[in-house]
Amino acid sequence: MSEYKKYDKFTGSTVIVTNDNFEKAARKFKKKVVESGLFQDLRERECYIKATTARKAAKNSARRRWLKKLEANQMPKKMY
């Protein structure tokens, strides 16, 4: 019988601490929260962002990605 059977009543992001190893459990919990996207969702809902501001930010980030791609594909300058 598995020792995890008694923890079936817990739902969501839970981590079981074994052998008093809290640091390892904290790392596992942090990884679960990041992978689930919960933390990012909370940061996005922290304050309201107007639609025009969101579009402007998306356009700026797309422009930066495009310029970075152009710079990566560019031939190096001649140094003579």
PDB file of N, CA and C in Angstrom:
ATOM      1  N   MET A   1       0.838  -1.179   0.000  1.00  0.00           N
ATOM      2  CA  MET A   1       0.000   0.000   0.000  1.00  0.00           C
ATOM      3  C   MET A   1       0.886   1.247   0.000  1.00  0.00           C
ATOM      4  N   SER A   2       0.542   2.200  -0.792  1.00  0.00           N
ATOM      5  CA  SER A   2       1.335   3.420  -0.933  1.00  0.00           C
ATOM      6  C   SER A   2       1.085   4.367   0.229  1.00  0.00           C
ATOM      7  N   GLU A   3       2.130   5.081   0.616  1.00  0.00           N
ATOM      8  CA  GLU A   3       1.978   6.047   1.702  1.00  0.00           C
ATOM      9  C   GLU A   3       1.211   7.281   1.245  1.00  0.00           C
ATOM     10  N   TYR A   4       1.059   7.472  -0.084  1.00  0.00           N
ATOM     11  CA  TYR A   4       0.371   8.632  -0.611  1.00  0.00           C
ATOM     12  C   TYR A   4      -1.140   8.472  -0.618  1.00  0.00           C
ATOM     13  N   LYS A   5      -1.653   7.291  -0.318  1.00  0.00           N
ATOM     14  CA  LYS A   5      -3.100   7.053  -0.317  1.00  0.00           C
ATOM     15  C   LYS A   5      -3.812   7.946   0.698  1.00  0.00           C
ATOM     16  N   LYS A   6      -3.155   8.185   1.837  1.00  0.00           N
ATOM     17  CA  LYS A   6      -3.815   8.982   2.860  1.00  0.00           C
ATOM     18  C   LYS A   6      -3.852  10.472   2.510  1.00  0.00           C
ATOM     19  N   TYR A   7      -3.114  10.883   1.459  1.00  0.00           N
ATOM     20  CA  TYR A   7      -3.096  12.281   1.052  1.00  0.00           C
ATOM     21  C   TYR A   7      -3.978  12.542  -0.163  1.00  0.00           C
ATOM     22  N   ASP A   8      -4.811  11.596  -0.549  1.00  0.00           N
ATOM     23  CA  ASP A   8      -5.664  11.752  -1.724  1.00  0.00           C
ATOM     24  C   ASP A   8      -6.698  12.854  -1.552  1.00  0.00           C
ATOM     25  N   LYS A   9      -7.030  13.223  -0.332  1.00  0.00           N
ATOM     26  CA  LYS A   9      -8.053  14.245  -0.129  1.00  0.00           C
ATOM     27  C   LYS A   9      -7.568  15.640  -0.491  1.00  0.00           C
ATOM     28  N   PHE A  10      -6.250  15.853  -0.593  1.00  0.00           N
ATOM     29  CA  PHE A  10      -5.712  17.153  -0.953  1.00  0.00           C
ATOM     30  C   PHE A  10      -5.796  17.345  -2.462  1.00  0.00           C
ATOM     31  N   THR A  11      -6.119  18.546  -2.871  1.00  0.00           N
ATOM     32  CA  THR A  11      -6.191  18.849  -4.299  1.00  0.00           C
ATOM     33  C   THR A  11      -5.313  20.055  -4.585  1.00  0.00           C
ATOM     34  N   GLY A  12      -5.038  20.289  -5.856  1.00  0.00           N
ATOM     35  CA  GLY A  12      -4.230  21.440  -6.230  1.00  0.00           C
ATOM     36  C   GLY A  12      -2.752  21.117  -6.160  1.00  0.00           C
ATOM     37  N   SER A  13      -1.947  22.140  -5.987  1.00  0.00           N
ATOM     38  CA  SER A  13      -0.491  21.984  -5.934  1.00  0.00           C
ATOM     39  C   SER A  13      -0.074  21.642  -4.511  1.00  0.00           C
ATOM     40  N   THR A  14       0.127  20.358  -4.256  1.00  0.00           N
ATOM     41  CA  THR A  14       0.563  19.921  -2.941  1.00  0.00           C
ATOM     42  C   THR A  14       1.860  19.148  -3.074  1.00  0.00           C
ATOM     43  N   VAL A  15       2.668  19.249  -2.043  1.00  0.00           N
ATOM     44  CA  VAL A  15       3.928  18.525  -1.987  1.00  0.00           C
ATOM     45  C   VAL A  15       4.026  17.893  -0.609  1.00  0.00           C
ATOM     46  N   ILE A  16       4.448  16.649  -0.569  1.00  0.00           N
ATOM     47  CA  ILE A  16       4.573  15.934   0.702  1.00  0.00           C
ATOM     48  C   ILE A  16       6.018  16.029   1.178  1.00  0.00           C
ATOM     49  N   VAL A  17       6.197  16.490   2.410  1.00  0.00           N
ATOM     50  CA  VAL A  17       7.529  16.613   2.995  1.00  0.00           C
ATOM     51  C   VAL A  17       7.902  15.268   3.596  1.00  0.00           C
ATOM     52  N   THR A  18       9.010  14.684   3.110  1.00  0.00           N
ATOM     53  CA  THR A  18       9.474  13.418   3.648  1.00  0.00           C
ATOM     54  C   THR A  18      10.830  13.603   4.305  1.00  0.00           C
ATOM     55  N   ASN A  19      11.058  12.896   5.379  1.00  0.00           N
ATOM     56  CA  ASN A  19      12.318  12.923   6.120  1.00  0.00           C
ATOM     57  C   ASN A  19      12.714  14.339   6.543  1.00  0.00           C
ATOM     58  N   ASP A  20      11.742  15.154   6.870  1.00  0.00           N
ATOM     59  CA  ASP A  20      11.980  16.532   7.315  1.00  0.00           C
ATOM     60  C   ASP A  20      12.837  17.326   6.328  1.00  0.00           C
ATOM     61  N   ASN A  21      12.713  17.023   5.053  1.00  0.00           N
ATOM     62  CA  ASN A  21      13.482  17.718   4.028  1.00  0.00           C
ATOM     63  C   ASN A  21      12.609  18.817   3.423  1.00  0.00           C
ATOM     64  N   PHE A  22      12.508  19.930   4.160  1.00  0.00           N
ATOM     65  CA  PHE A  22      11.638  21.020   3.739  1.00  0.00           C
ATOM     66  C   PHE A  22      12.176  21.744   2.501  1.00  0.00           C
ATOM     67  N   GLU A  23      13.487  21.883   2.380  1.00  0.00           N
ATOM     68  CA  GLU A  23      14.074  22.601   1.248  1.00  0.00           C
ATOM     69  C   GLU A  23      13.724  21.922  -0.077  1.00  0.00           C
ATOM     70  N   LYS A  24      13.814  20.591  -0.091  1.00  0.00           N
ATOM     71  CA  LYS A  24      13.491  19.849  -1.304  1.00  0.00           C
ATOM     72  C   LYS A  24      12.003  19.995  -1.637  1.00  0.00           C
ATOM     73  N   ALA A  25      11.158  19.940  -0.620  1.00  0.00           N
ATOM     74  CA  ALA A  25       9.713  20.089  -0.834  1.00  0.00           C
ATOM     75  C   ALA A  25       9.385  21.492  -1.338  1.00  0.00           C
ATOM     76  N   ALA A  26      10.085  22.498  -0.826  1.00  0.00           N
ATOM     77  CA  ALA A  26       9.846  23.879  -1.269  1.00  0.00           C
ATOM     78  C   ALA A  26      10.238  24.044  -2.732  1.00  0.00           C
ATOM     79  N   ARG A  27      11.349  23.439  -3.142  1.00  0.00           N
ATOM     80  CA  ARG A  27      11.771  23.516  -4.541  1.00  0.00           C
ATOM     81  C   ARG A  27      10.744  22.840  -5.453  1.00  0.00           C
ATOM     82  N   LYS A  28      10.253  21.663  -5.022  1.00  0.00           N
ATOM     83  CA  LYS A  28       9.251  20.948  -5.813  1.00  0.00           C
ATOM     84  C   LYS A  28       7.968  21.770  -5.947  1.00  0.00           C
ATOM     85  N   PHE A  29       7.544  22.394  -4.830  1.00  0.00           N
ATOM     86  CA  PHE A  29       6.324  23.200  -4.851  1.00  0.00           C
ATOM     87  C   PHE A  29       6.484  24.400  -5.779  1.00  0.00           C
ATOM     88  N   LYS A  30       7.632  25.059  -5.695  1.00  0.00           N
ATOM     89  CA  LYS A  30       7.880  26.211  -6.546  1.00  0.00           C
ATOM     90  C   LYS A  30       7.837  25.811  -8.021  1.00  0.00           C
ATOM     91  N   LYS A  31       8.428  24.656  -8.344  1.00  0.00           N
ATOM     92  CA  LYS A  31       8.424  24.169  -9.723  1.00  0.00           C
ATOM     93  C   LYS A  31       7.001  23.873 -10.192  1.00  0.00           C
ATOM     94  N   LYS A  32       6.184  23.266  -9.320  1.00  0.00           N
ATOM     95  CA  LYS A  32       4.797  22.966  -9.676  1.00  0.00           C
ATOM     96  C   LYS A  32       4.007  24.235  -9.946  1.00  0.00           C
ATOM     97  N   VAL A  33       4.216  25.259  -9.122  1.00  0.00           N
ATOM     98  CA  VAL A  33       3.480  26.515  -9.281  1.00  0.00           C
ATOM     99  C   VAL A  33       3.880  27.199 -10.583  1.00  0.00           C
ATOM    100  N   VAL A  34       5.182  27.207 -10.887  1.00  0.00           N
ATOM    101  CA  VAL A  34       5.649  27.842 -12.120  1.00  0.00           C
ATOM    102  C   VAL A  34       5.126  27.097 -13.339  1.00  0.00           C
ATOM    103  N   GLU A  35       5.160  25.765 -13.307  1.00  0.00           N
ATOM    104  CA  GLU A  35       4.698  24.972 -14.445  1.00  0.00           C
ATOM    105  C   GLU A  35       3.192  25.105 -14.662  1.00  0.00           C
ATOM    106  N   SER A  36       2.440  25.282 -13.585  1.00  0.00           N
ATOM    107  CA  SER A  36       0.994  25.400 -13.737  1.00  0.00           C
ATOM    108  C   SER A  36       0.579  26.763 -14.281  1.00  0.00           C
ATOM    109  N   GLY A  37       1.468  27.756 -14.201  1.00  0.00           N
ATOM    110  CA  GLY A  37       1.156  29.090 -14.702  1.00  0.00           C
ATOM    111  C   GLY A  37       0.373  29.923 -13.719  1.00  0.00           C
ATOM    112  N   LEU A  38       0.209  29.453 -12.515  1.00  0.00           N
ATOM    113  CA  LEU A  38      -0.571  30.164 -11.506  1.00  0.00           C
ATOM    114  C   LEU A  38       0.074  31.499 -11.141  1.00  0.00           C
ATOM    115  N   PHE A  39       1.381  31.491 -10.962  1.00  0.00           N
ATOM    116  CA  PHE A  39       2.093  32.702 -10.561  1.00  0.00           C
ATOM    117  C   PHE A  39       1.999  33.767 -11.652  1.00  0.00           C
ATOM    118  N   GLN A  40       2.185  33.368 -12.900  1.00  0.00           N
ATOM    119  CA  GLN A  40       2.087  34.310 -14.017  1.00  0.00           C
ATOM    120  C   GLN A  40       0.678  34.872 -14.119  1.00  0.00           C
ATOM    121  N   ASP A  41      -0.316  34.035 -13.902  1.00  0.00           N
ATOM    122  CA  ASP A  41      -1.701  34.480 -13.955  1.00  0.00           C
ATOM    123  C   ASP A  41      -1.979  35.515 -12.869  1.00  0.00           C
ATOM    124  N   LEU A  42      -1.452  35.295 -11.675  1.00  0.00           N
ATOM    125  CA  LEU A  42      -1.639  36.258 -10.589  1.00  0.00           C
ATOM    126  C   LEU A  42      -0.974  37.589 -10.909  1.00  0.00           C
ATOM    127  N   ARG A  43       0.199  37.548 -11.516  1.00  0.00           N
ATOM    128  CA  ARG A  43       0.891  38.783 -11.873  1.00  0.00           C
ATOM    129  C   ARG A  43       0.111  39.554 -12.936  1.00  0.00           C
ATOM    130  N   GLU A  44      -0.490  38.845 -13.875  1.00  0.00           N
ATOM    131  CA  GLU A  44      -1.269  39.513 -14.921  1.00  0.00           C
ATOM    132  C   GLU A  44      -2.535  40.136 -14.355  1.00  0.00           C
ATOM    133  N   ARG A  45      -3.141  39.516 -13.367  1.00  0.00           N
ATOM    134  CA  ARG A  45      -4.391  40.017 -12.789  1.00  0.00           C
ATOM    135  C   ARG A  45      -4.177  41.028 -11.674  1.00  0.00           C
ATOM    136  N   GLU A  46      -2.923  41.340 -11.379  1.00  0.00           N
ATOM    137  CA  GLU A  46      -2.616  42.251 -10.281  1.00  0.00           C
ATOM    138  C   GLU A  46      -3.238  43.630 -10.516  1.00  0.00           C
ATOM    139  N   CYS A  47      -3.167  44.116 -11.753  1.00  0.00           N
ATOM    140  CA  CYS A  47      -3.786  45.385 -12.084  1.00  0.00           C
ATOM    141  C   CYS A  47      -4.328  45.309 -13.511  1.00  0.00           C
ATOM    142  N   TYR A  48      -5.298  46.136 -13.802  1.00  0.00           N
ATOM    143  CA  TYR A  48      -5.922  46.124 -15.127  1.00  0.00           C
ATOM    144  C   TYR A  48      -5.023  46.847 -16.121  1.00  0.00           C
ATOM    145  N   ILE A  49      -4.846  46.258 -17.291  1.00  0.00           N
ATOM    146  CA  ILE A  49      -4.092  46.880 -18.376  1.00  0.00           C
ATOM    147  C   ILE A  49      -5.070  47.131 -19.518  1.00  0.00           C
ATOM    148  N   LYS A  50      -5.142  48.384 -19.936  1.00  0.00           N
ATOM    149  CA  LYS A  50      -6.070  48.735 -21.006  1.00  0.00           C
ATOM    150  C   LYS A  50      -5.687  48.012 -22.286  1.00  0.00           C
ATOM    151  N   ALA A  51      -6.659  47.823 -23.152  1.00  0.00           N
ATOM    152  CA  ALA A  51      -6.441  47.094 -24.398  1.00  0.00           C
ATOM    153  C   ALA A  51      -5.414  47.797 -25.280  1.00  0.00           C
ATOM    154  N   THR A  52      -5.474  49.129 -25.332  1.00  0.00           N
ATOM    155  CA  THR A  52      -4.522  49.863 -26.176  1.00  0.00           C
ATOM    156  C   THR A  52      -3.104  49.717 -25.644  1.00  0.00           C
ATOM    157  N   THR A  53      -2.952  49.713 -24.326  1.00  0.00           N
ATOM    158  CA  THR A  53      -1.630  49.549 -23.728  1.00  0.00           C
ATOM    159  C   THR A  53      -1.086  48.153 -24.000  1.00  0.00           C
ATOM    160  N   ALA A  54      -1.955  47.146 -23.925  1.00  0.00           N
ATOM    161  CA  ALA A  54      -1.526  45.770 -24.207  1.00  0.00           C
ATOM    162  C   ALA A  54      -1.105  45.624 -25.667  1.00  0.00           C
ATOM    163  N   ARG A  55      -1.883  46.209 -26.584  1.00  0.00           N
ATOM    164  CA  ARG A  55      -1.524  46.149 -28.004  1.00  0.00           C
ATOM    165  C   ARG A  55      -0.198  46.846 -28.267  1.00  0.00           C
ATOM    166  N   LYS A  56       0.007  47.999 -27.629  1.00  0.00           N
ATOM    167  CA  LYS A  56       1.252  48.751 -27.809  1.00  0.00           C
ATOM    168  C   LYS A  56       2.447  47.957 -27.304  1.00  0.00           C
ATOM    169  N   ALA A  57       2.302  47.313 -26.156  1.00  0.00           N
ATOM    170  CA  ALA A  57       3.385  46.502 -25.599  1.00  0.00           C
ATOM    171  C   ALA A  57       3.684  45.308 -26.490  1.00  0.00           C
ATOM    172  N   ALA A  58       2.634  44.677 -27.026  1.00  0.00           N
ATOM    173  CA  ALA A  58       2.831  43.528 -27.910  1.00  0.00           C
ATOM    174  C   ALA A  58       3.532  43.957 -29.190  1.00  0.00           C
ATOM    175  N   LYS A  59       3.159  45.120 -29.729  1.00  0.00           N
ATOM    176  CA  LYS A  59       3.786  45.624 -30.946  1.00  0.00           C
ATOM    177  C   LYS A  59       5.259  45.947 -30.699  1.00  0.00           C
ATOM    178  N   ASN A  60       5.563  46.558 -29.561  1.00  0.00           N
ATOM    179  CA  ASN A  60       6.951  46.875 -29.235  1.00  0.00           C
ATOM    180  C   ASN A  60       7.790  45.618 -29.065  1.00  0.00           C
ATOM    181  N   SER A  61       7.234  44.604 -28.413  1.00  0.00           N
ATOM    182  CA  SER A  61       7.999  43.371 -28.217  1.00  0.00           C
ATOM    183  C   SER A  61       8.221  42.650 -29.543  1.00  0.00           C
ATOM    184  N   ALA A  62       7.217  42.703 -30.443  1.00  0.00           N
ATOM    185  CA  ALA A  62       7.376  42.094 -31.758  1.00  0.00           C
ATOM    186  C   ALA A  62       8.449  42.828 -32.553  1.00  0.00           C
ATOM    187  N   ARG A  63       8.486  44.133 -32.466  1.00  0.00           N
ATOM    188  CA  ARG A  63       9.505  44.922 -33.160  1.00  0.00           C
ATOM    189  C   ARG A  63      10.896  44.596 -32.629  1.00  0.00           C
ATOM    190  N   ARG A  64      11.028  44.466 -31.306  1.00  0.00           N
ATOM    191  CA  ARG A  64      12.333  44.106 -30.715  1.00  0.00           C
ATOM    192  C   ARG A  64      12.783  42.723 -31.162  1.00  0.00           C
ATOM    193  N   ARG A  65      11.840  41.767 -31.225  1.00  0.00           N
ATOM    194  CA  ARG A  65      12.189  40.425 -31.713  1.00  0.00           C
ATOM    195  C   ARG A  65      12.648  40.477 -33.159  1.00  0.00           C
ATOM    196  N   TRP A  66      11.952  41.268 -33.978  1.00  0.00           N
ATOM    197  CA  TRP A  66      12.293  41.384 -35.383  1.00  0.00           C
ATOM    198  C   TRP A  66      13.681  42.010 -35.553  1.00  0.00           C
ATOM    199  N   LEU A  67      13.974  43.083 -34.805  1.00  0.00           N
ATOM    200  CA  LEU A  67      15.283  43.725 -34.888  1.00  0.00           C
ATOM    201  C   LEU A  67      16.387  42.786 -34.413  1.00  0.00           C
ATOM    202  N   LYS A  68      16.101  42.008 -33.389  1.00  0.00           N
ATOM    203  CA  LYS A  68      17.089  41.044 -32.888  1.00  0.00           C
ATOM    204  C   LYS A  68      17.371  39.986 -33.946  1.00  0.00           C
ATOM    205  N   LYS A  69      16.321  39.543 -34.651  1.00  0.00           N
ATOM    206  CA  LYS A  69      16.493  38.547 -35.704  1.00  0.00           C
ATOM    207  C   LYS A  69      17.306  39.126 -36.859  1.00  0.00           C
ATOM    208  N   LEU A  70      17.035  40.385 -37.230  1.00  0.00           N
ATOM    209  CA  LEU A  70      17.802  41.039 -38.285  1.00  0.00           C
ATOM    210  C   LEU A  70      19.273  41.159 -37.905  1.00  0.00           C
ATOM    211  N   GLU A  71      19.514  41.523 -36.668  1.00  0.00           N
ATOM    212  CA  GLU A  71      20.893  41.681 -36.190  1.00  0.00           C
ATOM    213  C   GLU A  71      21.639  40.348 -36.197  1.00  0.00           C
ATOM    214  N   ALA A  72      20.950  39.270 -35.873  1.00  0.00           N
ATOM    215  CA  ALA A  72      21.581  37.951 -35.850  1.00  0.00           C
ATOM    216  C   ALA A  72      21.919  37.475 -37.258  1.00  0.00           C
ATOM    217  N   ASN A  73      21.103  37.851 -38.256  1.00  0.00           N
ATOM    218  CA  ASN A  73      21.325  37.418 -39.630  1.00  0.00           C
ATOM    219  C   ASN A  73      22.286  38.313 -40.396  1.00  0.00           C
ATOM    220  N   GLN A  74      22.666  39.432 -39.790  1.00  0.00           N
ATOM    221  CA  GLN A  74      23.517  40.392 -40.475  1.00  0.00           C
ATOM    222  C   GLN A  74      24.972  39.910 -40.522  1.00  0.00           C
ATOM    223  N   MET A  75      25.659  40.240 -41.625  1.00  0.00           N
ATOM    224  CA  MET A  75      27.069  39.886 -41.749  1.00  0.00           C
ATOM    225  C   MET A  75      27.887  40.757 -40.801  1.00  0.00           C
ATOM    226  N   PRO A  76      28.974  40.216 -40.247  1.00  0.00           N
ATOM    227  CA  PRO A  76      29.799  41.044 -39.343  1.00  0.00           C
ATOM    228  C   PRO A  76      30.493  42.150 -40.126  1.00  0.00           C
ATOM    229  N   LYS A  77      30.764  43.257 -39.417  1.00  0.00           N
ATOM    230  CA  LYS A  77      31.429  44.379 -40.041  1.00  0.00           C
ATOM    231  C   LYS A  77      32.865  44.021 -40.386  1.00  0.00           C
ATOM    232  N   LYS A  78      33.362  44.589 -41.472  1.00  0.00           N
ATOM    233  CA  LYS A  78      34.768  44.395 -41.830  1.00  0.00           C
ATOM    234  C   LYS A  78      35.600  45.324 -40.964  1.00  0.00           C
ATOM    235  N   MET A  79      36.609  44.793 -40.379  1.00  0.00           N
ATOM    236  CA  MET A  79      37.437  45.579 -39.461  1.00  0.00           C
ATOM    237  C   MET A  79      38.795  45.904 -40.088  1.00  0.00           C
ATOM    238  N   TYR A  80      38.815  46.430 -41.331  1.00  0.00           N
ATOM    239  CA  TYR A  80      40.093  46.814 -41.941  1.00  0.00           C
ATOM    240  C   TYR A  80      39.986  48.167 -42.590  1.00  0.00           C
TER     241      TYR A  80
END
